Amino acid sequence: MQLPKPWYDLKEYRRIRIEEARSELDIARKFPKEGLTRNAAGKVFQAWKALVAALATDKRDELSKVFSGKLTVPRPEWRGFCVHWGLPSLLWSSSRAWHHLFSPRHPSHFLADAVRIRGMKERVDRVDWVIVVMPTSYLKDVAMVIGGKVDLLTDKALWVYQYQYNGPDPERVLSPYKDDESARRDIRDVD
């Protein structure tokens, strides 16, 4: 399934992102039964990002005030391991765009020579790029514009994301959760 770019078809993009969120949640609900709490945290976070991206389409005009301007986004050619991984071209395009925009000459970057860009590049509104990529660093800003429960649950989703990488921490230095059980409660809340 390939995501349509929101600057072409906003409604279809929204529908597919909601479908993605449901699929991620279905997987996430199976993990705790097998003792895979951190894996469940990762899937719940991915589902939350997809849902926020879908909801952001309804607030595009308000978000355009926060994320104004245009970006040049390269159109990639498929090469090597990206086909093997099966990444949708839209996500591949956005990762590559991020690399080109913020680290154009960084030779040791993970994506440095994975794709060769030829030919066309397109100018897109920054707000559309944010809705497509939904960078974790912008997630809270987008959630604040959406408001309500989305804003509150985004805080929990970001804590769950931190737990996914750091695990439980009794001293709560690396993770907001002292044990797996307290993390499971927030995972269920975000779910």
C-alpha atoms as a PDB file:
ATOM      1  CA  MET A   1       0.000   0.000   0.000  1.00  0.00           C
ATOM      2  CA  GLN A   2       1.451   3.339  -1.017  1.00  0.00           C
ATOM      3  CA  LEU A   3       0.468   6.521   0.755  1.00  0.00           C
ATOM      4  CA  PRO A   4      -0.865   9.249  -1.498  1.00  0.00           C
ATOM      5  CA  LYS A   5       0.798  12.590  -1.002  1.00  0.00           C
ATOM      6  CA  PRO A   6      -1.538  14.962   0.825  1.00  0.00           C
ATOM      7  CA  TRP A   7      -0.888  17.736  -1.660  1.00  0.00           C
ATOM      8  CA  TYR A   8      -2.591  15.490  -4.233  1.00  0.00           C
ATOM      9  CA  ASP A   9      -5.374  13.739  -2.283  1.00  0.00           C
ATOM     10  CA  LEU A  10      -5.888  14.776   1.342  1.00  0.00           C
ATOM     11  CA  LYS A  11      -8.946  12.555   1.983  1.00  0.00           C
ATOM     12  CA  GLU A  12      -7.296   9.387   0.686  1.00  0.00           C
ATOM     13  CA  TYR A  13      -4.144  10.151   2.679  1.00  0.00           C
ATOM     14  CA  ARG A  14      -6.248  10.528   5.840  1.00  0.00           C
ATOM     15  CA  ARG A  15      -8.113   7.256   5.206  1.00  0.00           C
ATOM     16  CA  ILE A  16      -4.908   5.285   4.696  1.00  0.00           C
ATOM     17  CA  ARG A  17      -3.222   6.745   7.796  1.00  0.00           C
ATOM     18  CA  ILE A  18      -6.246   5.742   9.926  1.00  0.00           C
ATOM     19  CA  GLU A  19      -6.061   2.260   8.426  1.00  0.00           C
ATOM     20  CA  GLU A  20      -2.337   2.186   9.257  1.00  0.00           C
ATOM     21  CA  ALA A  21      -3.062   3.177  12.868  1.00  0.00           C
ATOM     22  CA  ARG A  22      -5.612   0.354  13.210  1.00  0.00           C
ATOM     23  CA  SER A  23      -3.152  -2.187  11.795  1.00  0.00           C
ATOM     24  CA  GLU A  24      -0.379  -1.063  14.148  1.00  0.00           C
ATOM     25  CA  LEU A  25      -2.756  -1.320  17.122  1.00  0.00           C
ATOM     26  CA  ASP A  26      -3.820  -4.831  16.144  1.00  0.00           C
ATOM     27  CA  ILE A  27      -0.181  -5.892  16.250  1.00  0.00           C
ATOM     28  CA  ALA A  28       0.513  -3.945  19.453  1.00  0.00           C
ATOM     29  CA  ARG A  29      -2.310  -5.710  21.306  1.00  0.00           C
ATOM     30  CA  LYS A  30      -0.706  -9.113  20.680  1.00  0.00           C
ATOM     31  CA  PHE A  31       2.734  -8.227  22.082  1.00  0.00           C
ATOM     32  CA  PRO A  32       1.967  -7.840  25.827  1.00  0.00           C
ATOM     33  CA  LYS A  33       0.479 -11.353  25.918  1.00  0.00           C
ATOM     34  CA  GLU A  34       3.882 -12.623  24.821  1.00  0.00           C
ATOM     35  CA  GLY A  35       5.798 -10.444  27.295  1.00  0.00           C
ATOM     36  CA  LEU A  36       6.958  -8.003  24.610  1.00  0.00           C
ATOM     37  CA  THR A  37       6.019  -4.766  26.340  1.00  0.00           C
ATOM     38  CA  ARG A  38       8.683  -2.622  24.685  1.00  0.00           C
ATOM     39  CA  ASN A  39       7.683  -3.903  21.237  1.00  0.00           C
ATOM     40  CA  ALA A  40       4.066  -3.051  22.074  1.00  0.00           C
ATOM     41  CA  ALA A  41       5.210   0.435  23.070  1.00  0.00           C
ATOM     42  CA  GLY A  42       6.833   0.919  19.678  1.00  0.00           C
ATOM     43  CA  LYS A  43       3.760  -0.221  17.769  1.00  0.00           C
ATOM     44  CA  VAL A  44       1.430   1.927  19.878  1.00  0.00           C
ATOM     45  CA  PHE A  45       3.658   4.936  19.253  1.00  0.00           C
ATOM     46  CA  GLN A  46       3.666   4.312  15.484  1.00  0.00           C
ATOM     47  CA  ALA A  47      -0.118   3.994  15.566  1.00  0.00           C
ATOM     48  CA  TRP A  48      -0.375   7.257  17.486  1.00  0.00           C
ATOM     49  CA  LYS A  49       1.842   9.093  14.986  1.00  0.00           C
ATOM     50  CA  ALA A  50      -0.286   7.777  12.115  1.00  0.00           C
ATOM     51  CA  LEU A  51      -3.471   8.888  13.879  1.00  0.00           C
ATOM     52  CA  VAL A  52      -2.084  12.366  14.607  1.00  0.00           C
ATOM     53  CA  ALA A  53      -1.035  12.651  10.946  1.00  0.00           C
ATOM     54  CA  ALA A  54      -4.582  11.713   9.899  1.00  0.00           C
ATOM     55  CA  LEU A  55      -6.120  14.224  12.309  1.00  0.00           C
ATOM     56  CA  ALA A  56      -3.665  16.880  11.159  1.00  0.00           C
ATOM     57  CA  THR A  57      -5.267  16.822   7.716  1.00  0.00           C
ATOM     58  CA  ASP A  58      -8.396  18.373   9.263  1.00  0.00           C
ATOM     59  CA  LYS A  59      -6.317  21.177  10.806  1.00  0.00           C
ATOM     60  CA  ARG A  60      -4.144  21.848   7.766  1.00  0.00           C
ATOM     61  CA  ASP A  61      -5.059  25.557   7.586  1.00  0.00           C
ATOM     62  CA  GLU A  62      -4.217  26.143  11.254  1.00  0.00           C
ATOM     63  CA  LEU A  63      -1.013  24.108  10.947  1.00  0.00           C
ATOM     64  CA  SER A  64       0.048  26.150   7.915  1.00  0.00           C
ATOM     65  CA  LYS A  65       0.401  29.152  10.235  1.00  0.00           C
ATOM     66  CA  VAL A  66       2.843  27.189  12.407  1.00  0.00           C
ATOM     67  CA  PHE A  67       4.656  25.410   9.555  1.00  0.00           C
ATOM     68  CA  SER A  68       4.771  28.023   6.814  1.00  0.00           C
ATOM     69  CA  GLY A  69       6.888  28.182   3.688  1.00  0.00           C
ATOM     70  CA  LYS A  70       7.867  25.722   1.000  1.00  0.00           C
ATOM     71  CA  LEU A  71      10.339  22.850   0.753  1.00  0.00           C
ATOM     72  CA  THR A  72      11.982  21.237  -2.229  1.00  0.00           C
ATOM     73  CA  VAL A  73      11.385  17.519  -2.007  1.00  0.00           C
ATOM     74  CA  PRO A  74      13.364  15.234  -4.334  1.00  0.00           C
ATOM     75  CA  ARG A  75      11.597  12.469  -6.205  1.00  0.00           C
ATOM     76  CA  PRO A  76      13.631   9.312  -5.591  1.00  0.00           C
ATOM     77  CA  GLU A  77      14.434   6.370  -7.807  1.00  0.00           C
ATOM     78  CA  TRP A  78      14.193   3.010  -6.137  1.00  0.00           C
ATOM     79  CA  ARG A  79      17.567   1.423  -5.463  1.00  0.00           C
ATOM     80  CA  GLY A  80      19.002  -1.507  -3.550  1.00  0.00           C
ATOM     81  CA  PHE A  81      17.891  -2.133  -0.034  1.00  0.00           C
ATOM     82  CA  CYS A  82      14.892   0.212   0.014  1.00  0.00           C
ATOM     83  CA  VAL A  83      13.026  -2.232  -2.257  1.00  0.00           C
ATOM     84  CA  HIS A  84      14.133  -5.114  -0.063  1.00  0.00           C
ATOM     85  CA  TRP A  85      12.738  -3.352   3.011  1.00  0.00           C
ATOM     86  CA  GLY A  86       9.504  -2.642   1.196  1.00  0.00           C
ATOM     87  CA  LEU A  87       9.262   0.956   2.327  1.00  0.00           C
ATOM     88  CA  PRO A  88       6.524   2.982   0.646  1.00  0.00           C
ATOM     89  CA  SER A  89       7.974   5.519  -1.758  1.00  0.00           C
ATOM     90  CA  LEU A  90       6.385   8.359   0.179  1.00  0.00           C
ATOM     91  CA  LEU A  91       8.170   7.485   3.399  1.00  0.00           C
ATOM     92  CA  TRP A  92      11.384   6.856   1.472  1.00  0.00           C
ATOM     93  CA  SER A  93      10.970  10.218  -0.216  1.00  0.00           C
ATOM     94  CA  SER A  94      10.449  11.998   3.087  1.00  0.00           C
ATOM     95  CA  SER A  95      13.494  10.387   4.733  1.00  0.00           C
ATOM     96  CA  ARG A  96      15.574  11.287   1.745  1.00  0.00           C
ATOM     97  CA  ALA A  97      14.158  14.811   1.727  1.00  0.00           C
ATOM     98  CA  TRP A  98      15.102  15.201   5.379  1.00  0.00           C
ATOM     99  CA  HIS A  99      18.648  14.076   4.539  1.00  0.00           C
ATOM    100  CA  HIS A 100      18.915  16.506   1.621  1.00  0.00           C
ATOM    101  CA  LEU A 101      17.434  19.399   3.545  1.00  0.00           C
ATOM    102  CA  PHE A 102      19.358  19.120   6.769  1.00  0.00           C
ATOM    103  CA  SER A 103      22.486  17.132   6.030  1.00  0.00           C
ATOM    104  CA  PRO A 104      23.282  17.416   2.311  1.00  0.00           C
ATOM    105  CA  ARG A 105      27.000  16.597   2.513  1.00  0.00           C
ATOM    106  CA  HIS A 106      27.154  14.212   5.439  1.00  0.00           C
ATOM    107  CA  PRO A 107      29.031  11.186   3.978  1.00  0.00           C
ATOM    108  CA  SER A 108      28.484   8.809   6.892  1.00  0.00           C
ATOM    109  CA  HIS A 109      24.737   9.403   7.060  1.00  0.00           C
ATOM    110  CA  PHE A 110      22.727   6.162   7.010  1.00  0.00           C
ATOM    111  CA  LEU A 111      21.002   7.060   3.735  1.00  0.00           C
ATOM    112  CA  ALA A 112      23.999   8.774   2.123  1.00  0.00           C
ATOM    113  CA  ASP A 113      24.223   6.785  -1.123  1.00  0.00           C
ATOM    114  CA  ALA A 114      21.151   4.585  -0.893  1.00  0.00           C
ATOM    115  CA  VAL A 115      19.230   6.521  -3.528  1.00  0.00           C
ATOM    116  CA  ARG A 116      20.373   8.501  -6.519  1.00  0.00           C
ATOM    117  CA  ILE A 117      18.185  11.463  -7.207  1.00  0.00           C
ATOM    118  CA  ARG A 118      17.739  12.312 -10.862  1.00  0.00           C
ATOM    119  CA  GLY A 119      15.604  14.861 -12.574  1.00  0.00           C
ATOM    120  CA  MET A 120      12.533  16.404 -11.053  1.00  0.00           C
ATOM    121  CA  LYS A 121      12.175  17.874  -7.640  1.00  0.00           C
ATOM    122  CA  GLU A 122       8.930  19.319  -6.427  1.00  0.00           C
ATOM    123  CA  ARG A 123       8.120  22.279  -4.208  1.00  0.00           C
ATOM    124  CA  VAL A 124       5.635  21.450  -1.482  1.00  0.00           C
ATOM    125  CA  ASP A 125       4.203  23.389   1.416  1.00  0.00           C
ATOM    126  CA  ARG A 126       6.095  22.762   4.647  1.00  0.00           C
ATOM    127  CA  VAL A 127       2.793  21.945   6.371  1.00  0.00           C
ATOM    128  CA  ASP A 128       2.165  19.103   3.910  1.00  0.00           C
ATOM    129  CA  TRP A 129       5.656  17.767   4.479  1.00  0.00           C
ATOM    130  CA  VAL A 130       5.079  17.807   8.256  1.00  0.00           C
ATOM    131  CA  ILE A 131       1.768  15.976   7.812  1.00  0.00           C
ATOM    132  CA  VAL A 132       3.446  13.340   5.605  1.00  0.00           C
ATOM    133  CA  VAL A 133       6.565  12.746   7.669  1.00  0.00           C
ATOM    134  CA  MET A 134       5.141  13.642  11.096  1.00  0.00           C
ATOM    135  CA  PRO A 135       8.595  13.924  12.675  1.00  0.00           C
ATOM    136  CA  THR A 136       8.621  12.962  16.321  1.00  0.00           C
ATOM    137  CA  SER A 137      10.206  16.320  17.117  1.00  0.00           C
ATOM    138  CA  TYR A 138       7.110  18.095  15.682  1.00  0.00           C
ATOM    139  CA  LEU A 139       4.517  15.695  17.079  1.00  0.00           C
ATOM    140  CA  LYS A 140       3.794  17.774  20.183  1.00  0.00           C
ATOM    141  CA  ASP A 141       3.489  20.999  18.153  1.00  0.00           C
ATOM    142  CA  VAL A 142       0.967  19.366  15.826  1.00  0.00           C
ATOM    143  CA  ALA A 143      -0.945  17.856  18.762  1.00  0.00           C
ATOM    144  CA  MET A 144      -1.196  21.261  20.446  1.00  0.00           C
ATOM    145  CA  VAL A 145      -2.831  22.685  17.312  1.00  0.00           C
ATOM    146  CA  ILE A 146      -5.248  19.732  17.156  1.00  0.00           C
ATOM    147  CA  GLY A 147      -5.901  20.223  20.881  1.00  0.00           C
ATOM    148  CA  GLY A 148      -8.095  18.398  23.387  1.00  0.00           C
ATOM    149  CA  LYS A 149      -7.397  14.799  24.294  1.00  0.00           C
ATOM    150  CA  VAL A 150      -4.975  14.444  21.387  1.00  0.00           C
ATOM    151  CA  ASP A 151      -2.636  16.933  23.025  1.00  0.00           C
ATOM    152  CA  LEU A 152      -2.815  15.150  26.391  1.00  0.00           C
ATOM    153  CA  LEU A 153      -2.381  11.665  24.968  1.00  0.00           C
ATOM    154  CA  THR A 154       0.556  12.813  22.851  1.00  0.00           C
ATOM    155  CA  ASP A 155       2.489  13.427  26.063  1.00  0.00           C
ATOM    156  CA  LYS A 156       1.851   9.825  27.096  1.00  0.00           C
ATOM    157  CA  ALA A 157       2.725   8.582  23.608  1.00  0.00           C
ATOM    158  CA  LEU A 158       6.083  10.376  23.799  1.00  0.00           C
ATOM    159  CA  TRP A 159       6.748   8.808  27.206  1.00  0.00           C
ATOM    160  CA  VAL A 160       5.883   5.394  25.773  1.00  0.00           C
ATOM    161  CA  TYR A 161       8.290   6.104  22.911  1.00  0.00           C
ATOM    162  CA  GLN A 162      11.036   6.915  25.420  1.00  0.00           C
ATOM    163  CA  TYR A 163      10.254   3.695  27.294  1.00  0.00           C
ATOM    164  CA  GLN A 164      10.494   1.700  24.054  1.00  0.00           C
ATOM    165  CA  TYR A 165      14.160   2.650  23.681  1.00  0.00           C
ATOM    166  CA  ASN A 166      15.259   2.814  27.306  1.00  0.00           C
ATOM    167  CA  GLY A 167      13.076   0.235  29.029  1.00  0.00           C
ATOM    168  CA  PRO A 168      12.054   0.525  32.658  1.00  0.00           C
ATOM    169  CA  ASP A 169      14.272   2.526  34.994  1.00  0.00           C
ATOM    170  CA  PRO A 170      13.693   2.283  38.770  1.00  0.00           C
ATOM    171  CA  GLU A 171      15.497   5.616  39.244  1.00  0.00           C
ATOM    172  CA  ARG A 172      13.503   7.207  36.379  1.00  0.00           C
ATOM    173  CA  VAL A 173      16.520   8.860  34.843  1.00  0.00           C
ATOM    174  CA  LEU A 174      16.322   7.231  31.393  1.00  0.00           C
ATOM    175  CA  SER A 175      12.638   6.345  31.397  1.00  0.00           C
ATOM    176  CA  PRO A 176       9.523   7.759  33.062  1.00  0.00           C
ATOM    177  CA  TYR A 177       8.499   4.218  34.050  1.00  0.00           C
ATOM    178  CA  LYS A 178       9.972   2.356  36.992  1.00  0.00           C
ATOM    179  CA  ASP A 179       8.708  -1.035  35.792  1.00  0.00           C
ATOM    180  CA  ASP A 180       7.001  -2.722  32.864  1.00  0.00           C
ATOM    181  CA  GLU A 181       3.595  -2.733  34.555  1.00  0.00           C
ATOM    182  CA  SER A 182       3.452   1.052  34.867  1.00  0.00           C
ATOM    183  CA  ALA A 183       4.410   1.294  31.184  1.00  0.00           C
ATOM    184  CA  ARG A 184       1.683  -1.179  30.240  1.00  0.00           C
ATOM    185  CA  ARG A 185      -0.940   1.077  31.832  1.00  0.00           C
ATOM    186  CA  ASP A 186       0.081   4.042  29.663  1.00  0.00           C
ATOM    187  CA  ILE A 187       0.367   1.819  26.593  1.00  0.00           C
ATOM    188  CA  ARG A 188      -3.281   0.820  27.169  1.00  0.00           C
ATOM    189  CA  ASP A 189      -4.252   4.498  27.617  1.00  0.00           C
ATOM    190  CA  VAL A 190      -2.659   5.520  24.329  1.00  0.00           C
ATOM    191  CA  ASP A 191      -4.119   2.408  22.688  1.00  0.00           C
END
